[in-house]
Amino acid sequence: MRSKLQYLFMTLSALFLALPAYAQTAAENSGTSSLIPIGAGIGMAIASGLCGLGQGRATASATEALARNPGARAGIQLLLVLGLAFIESLALFTLVIIIIKVK
């Protein structure tokens, strides 16, 4: 337990020491604007990949639940579709935010 707290406080202290670096204003001609589309692509790839993993796990769990209790098909299917819609909306929100930021 002690080592976990030690790692937590070390991580937090490193983050708090790095905060002044984020507060700096960028120079007008620093070239960071060319990195925004690359970062947006990486962010969308991460969001889509994790949404895909979440959808796979949700589908696997629903399939297992249906195999154990076929009589609960209607309830499981409703909750599965609702959960998949929420998971997919995360990827769509990420896409909208990226479109706004890259614009």
Protein backbone atom coordinates (compact mmCIF):
# COMPACT_ATOMS: atom_id res chain seq x y z
CA MET A 1 0.00 0.00 0.00
CA ARG A 2 2.83 2.34 0.85
CA SER A 3 4.55 1.92 -2.50
CA LYS A 4 1.30 2.61 -4.38
CA LEU A 5 0.84 5.87 -2.51
CA GLN A 6 4.46 6.74 -3.13
CA TYR A 7 4.03 6.23 -6.89
CA LEU A 8 0.82 8.26 -6.83
CA PHE A 9 2.46 11.20 -5.08
CA MET A 10 5.51 11.03 -7.34
CA THR A 11 3.28 11.14 -10.40
CA LEU A 12 1.21 14.01 -9.04
CA SER A 13 4.31 16.01 -8.16
CA ALA A 14 5.71 15.52 -11.67
CA LEU A 15 2.42 16.70 -13.15
CA PHE A 16 2.24 19.75 -10.92
CA LEU A 17 5.82 20.70 -11.72
CA ALA A 18 5.00 20.53 -15.44
CA LEU A 19 1.98 22.87 -15.18
CA PRO A 20 3.94 26.11 -15.72
CA ALA A 21 5.15 24.74 -19.03
CA TYR A 22 1.56 24.44 -20.22
CA ALA A 23 0.86 28.04 -19.24
CA GLN A 24 3.45 29.42 -21.66
CA THR A 25 2.18 31.17 -24.76
CA ALA A 26 3.42 29.85 -28.05
CA ALA A 27 5.37 32.05 -30.41
CA GLU A 28 3.44 33.27 -33.42
CA ASN A 29 5.59 31.40 -35.91
CA SER A 30 6.50 28.29 -33.90
CA GLY A 31 5.16 25.73 -36.37
CA THR A 32 2.89 23.99 -33.88
CA SER A 33 -0.14 24.58 -36.08
CA SER A 34 1.16 21.96 -38.49
CA LEU A 35 1.05 19.36 -35.72
CA ILE A 36 -2.64 19.87 -34.94
CA PRO A 37 -3.95 17.60 -37.75
CA ILE A 38 -1.46 14.87 -36.78
CA GLY A 39 -2.56 15.05 -33.16
CA ALA A 40 -6.20 15.04 -34.24
CA GLY A 41 -5.62 11.90 -36.30
CA ILE A 42 -3.90 10.16 -33.42
CA GLY A 43 -6.69 11.21 -31.06
CA MET A 44 -9.38 9.89 -33.40
CA ALA A 45 -7.47 6.64 -33.85
CA ILE A 46 -7.26 6.14 -30.10
CA ALA A 47 -10.95 7.01 -29.60
CA SER A 48 -12.08 4.70 -32.42
CA GLY A 49 -9.87 1.85 -31.25
CA LEU A 50 -11.07 2.04 -27.68
CA CYS A 51 -14.70 2.33 -28.80
CA GLY A 52 -14.18 -0.79 -30.91
CA LEU A 53 -12.77 -2.63 -27.92
CA GLY A 54 -15.70 -1.51 -25.79
CA GLN A 55 -18.21 -2.61 -28.40
CA GLY A 56 -16.52 -6.00 -28.68
CA ARG A 57 -16.61 -6.54 -24.95
CA ALA A 58 -20.25 -5.46 -24.74
CA THR A 59 -21.23 -7.80 -27.56
CA ALA A 60 -19.30 -10.68 -26.03
CA SER A 61 -20.96 -10.13 -22.66
CA ALA A 62 -24.41 -9.96 -24.23
CA THR A 63 -23.77 -13.15 -26.20
CA GLU A 64 -22.63 -14.91 -23.04
CA ALA A 65 -25.68 -13.67 -21.15
CA LEU A 66 -27.97 -14.91 -23.92
CA ALA A 67 -26.28 -18.30 -23.86
CA ARG A 68 -26.89 -18.56 -20.11
CA ASN A 69 -30.45 -17.27 -20.11
CA PRO A 70 -32.20 -17.30 -23.51
CA GLY A 71 -35.48 -16.22 -21.92
CA ALA A 72 -34.08 -12.75 -21.14
CA ARG A 73 -33.41 -11.98 -24.80
CA ALA A 74 -35.59 -8.85 -25.02
CA GLY A 75 -34.04 -7.12 -22.02
CA ILE A 76 -30.49 -8.04 -22.95
CA GLN A 77 -30.98 -6.92 -26.55
CA LEU A 78 -32.45 -3.58 -25.46
CA LEU A 79 -29.59 -2.86 -23.10
CA LEU A 80 -27.03 -4.02 -25.66
CA VAL A 81 -28.33 -1.68 -28.35
CA LEU A 82 -28.51 1.21 -25.86
CA GLY A 83 -24.95 0.55 -24.67
CA LEU A 84 -23.60 0.28 -28.21
CA ALA A 85 -25.27 3.59 -29.10
CA PHE A 86 -23.60 5.29 -26.13
CA ILE A 87 -20.22 3.81 -27.02
CA GLU A 88 -20.54 4.89 -30.64
CA SER A 89 -21.59 8.39 -29.59
CA LEU A 90 -18.22 8.80 -27.86
CA ALA A 91 -16.44 8.28 -31.17
CA LEU A 92 -18.80 10.70 -32.91
CA PHE A 93 -18.28 13.36 -30.22
CA THR A 94 -14.54 12.94 -30.67
CA LEU A 95 -14.92 13.40 -34.42
CA VAL A 96 -16.98 16.58 -33.95
CA ILE A 97 -14.45 18.03 -31.50
CA ILE A 98 -11.59 17.24 -33.90
CA ILE A 99 -13.40 18.85 -36.83
CA ILE A 100 -13.96 21.99 -34.77
CA LYS A 101 -10.35 22.09 -33.54
CA VAL A 102 -8.66 21.46 -36.91
CA LYS A 103 -10.84 24.03 -38.65
